[in-house]
Amino acid sequence: MSQRHSTWEFREVSVSRDTPREEARQILTSTAETGRWELDRTRIFRDGRRHYRLRRRVYRVMRTA
């Protein structure tokens, strides 16, 4: 039986406080759809900046022969 190990690849996206929420949503949606990314974490700072961390699974398949 072969065994697959998976790890995560991360990507950081920062949005300034002047960026409307709708525009930030469009940026995240287009990134997620084109690269198979999913939202991992959202941080909203006191000064209004938003920081998003996206992740996607990376599969490493071990050779069987």
C-alpha atoms as a PDB file:
ATOM      1  CA  MET A   1       0.000   0.000   0.000  1.00  0.00           C
ATOM      2  CA  SER A   2       1.443   3.357  -0.982  1.00  0.00           C
ATOM      3  CA  GLN A   3       1.453   6.175   1.488  1.00  0.00           C
ATOM      4  CA  ARG A   4       0.859   9.821   0.620  1.00  0.00           C
ATOM      5  CA  HIS A   5       2.164  12.661   2.708  1.00  0.00           C
ATOM      6  CA  SER A   6       0.634  16.077   2.369  1.00  0.00           C
ATOM      7  CA  THR A   7       1.861  19.432   3.511  1.00  0.00           C
ATOM      8  CA  TRP A   8       0.512  22.941   3.187  1.00  0.00           C
ATOM      9  CA  GLU A   9       1.799  25.780   1.067  1.00  0.00           C
ATOM     10  CA  PHE A  10       0.979  29.255   2.355  1.00  0.00           C
ATOM     11  CA  ARG A  11       0.563  32.649   0.721  1.00  0.00           C
ATOM     12  CA  GLU A  12       0.231  35.977   2.499  1.00  0.00           C
ATOM     13  CA  VAL A  13      -2.036  38.746   1.188  1.00  0.00           C
ATOM     14  CA  SER A  14      -2.147  42.168   2.841  1.00  0.00           C
ATOM     15  CA  VAL A  15      -4.782  44.806   2.163  1.00  0.00           C
ATOM     16  CA  SER A  16      -4.508  48.426   3.218  1.00  0.00           C
ATOM     17  CA  ARG A  17      -7.199  50.117   5.272  1.00  0.00           C
ATOM     18  CA  ASP A  18      -8.213  52.252   2.290  1.00  0.00           C
ATOM     19  CA  THR A  19      -9.192  49.208   0.218  1.00  0.00           C
ATOM     20  CA  PRO A  20     -12.953  48.594   0.231  1.00  0.00           C
ATOM     21  CA  ARG A  21     -14.108  45.251   1.582  1.00  0.00           C
ATOM     22  CA  GLU A  22     -15.688  44.328  -1.771  1.00  0.00           C
ATOM     23  CA  GLU A  23     -12.391  44.865  -3.591  1.00  0.00           C
ATOM     24  CA  ALA A  24     -10.527  42.754  -1.016  1.00  0.00           C
ATOM     25  CA  ARG A  25     -13.117  40.008  -1.495  1.00  0.00           C
ATOM     26  CA  GLN A  26     -12.603  40.089  -5.257  1.00  0.00           C
ATOM     27  CA  ILE A  27      -8.833  39.809  -4.842  1.00  0.00           C
ATOM     28  CA  LEU A  28      -9.175  36.806  -2.536  1.00  0.00           C
ATOM     29  CA  THR A  29     -11.808  35.132  -4.713  1.00  0.00           C
ATOM     30  CA  SER A  30      -9.786  35.418  -7.911  1.00  0.00           C
ATOM     31  CA  THR A  31      -6.665  34.135  -6.161  1.00  0.00           C
ATOM     32  CA  ALA A  32      -8.543  31.198  -4.650  1.00  0.00           C
ATOM     33  CA  GLU A  33     -10.214  30.171  -7.897  1.00  0.00           C
ATOM     34  CA  THR A  34      -7.132  30.318 -10.094  1.00  0.00           C
ATOM     35  CA  GLY A  35      -4.671  28.642  -7.746  1.00  0.00           C
ATOM     36  CA  ARG A  36      -6.912  26.350  -5.659  1.00  0.00           C
ATOM     37  CA  TRP A  37      -6.193  28.383  -2.531  1.00  0.00           C
ATOM     38  CA  GLU A  38      -8.428  28.464   0.537  1.00  0.00           C
ATOM     39  CA  LEU A  39      -8.625  31.024   3.329  1.00  0.00           C
ATOM     40  CA  ASP A  40      -6.660  29.921   6.383  1.00  0.00           C
ATOM     41  CA  ARG A  41      -6.535  32.979   8.635  1.00  0.00           C
ATOM     42  CA  THR A  42      -7.718  36.596   8.708  1.00  0.00           C
ATOM     43  CA  ARG A  43      -6.156  39.261  10.914  1.00  0.00           C
ATOM     44  CA  ILE A  44      -7.621  42.738  11.261  1.00  0.00           C
ATOM     45  CA  PHE A  45      -5.298  45.246  12.892  1.00  0.00           C
ATOM     46  CA  ARG A  46      -6.322  48.255  14.980  1.00  0.00           C
ATOM     47  CA  ASP A  47      -5.294  50.672  12.242  1.00  0.00           C
ATOM     48  CA  GLY A  48      -7.665  48.947   9.772  1.00  0.00           C
ATOM     49  CA  ARG A  49      -5.168  46.869   7.779  1.00  0.00           C
ATOM     50  CA  ARG A  50      -6.277  43.357   6.913  1.00  0.00           C
ATOM     51  CA  HIS A  51      -3.912  40.441   6.551  1.00  0.00           C
ATOM     52  CA  TYR A  52      -5.038  37.173   4.984  1.00  0.00           C
ATOM     53  CA  ARG A  53      -3.224  33.871   4.918  1.00  0.00           C
ATOM     54  CA  LEU A  54      -4.204  31.449   2.178  1.00  0.00           C
ATOM     55  CA  ARG A  55      -3.222  27.810   2.007  1.00  0.00           C
ATOM     56  CA  ARG A  56      -3.316  24.925  -0.410  1.00  0.00           C
ATOM     57  CA  ARG A  57      -2.429  21.310  -0.019  1.00  0.00           C
ATOM     58  CA  VAL A  58       0.745  20.021  -1.648  1.00  0.00           C
ATOM     59  CA  TYR A  59       0.812  16.304  -2.260  1.00  0.00           C
ATOM     60  CA  ARG A  60       4.060  14.414  -2.351  1.00  0.00           C
ATOM     61  CA  VAL A  61       3.550  10.921  -3.675  1.00  0.00           C
ATOM     62  CA  MET A  62       6.173   8.341  -2.879  1.00  0.00           C
ATOM     63  CA  ARG A  63       7.355   6.073  -5.688  1.00  0.00           C
ATOM     64  CA  THR A  64       6.114   2.526  -5.517  1.00  0.00           C
ATOM     65  CA  ALA A  65       8.582   0.966  -7.888  1.00  0.00           C
END
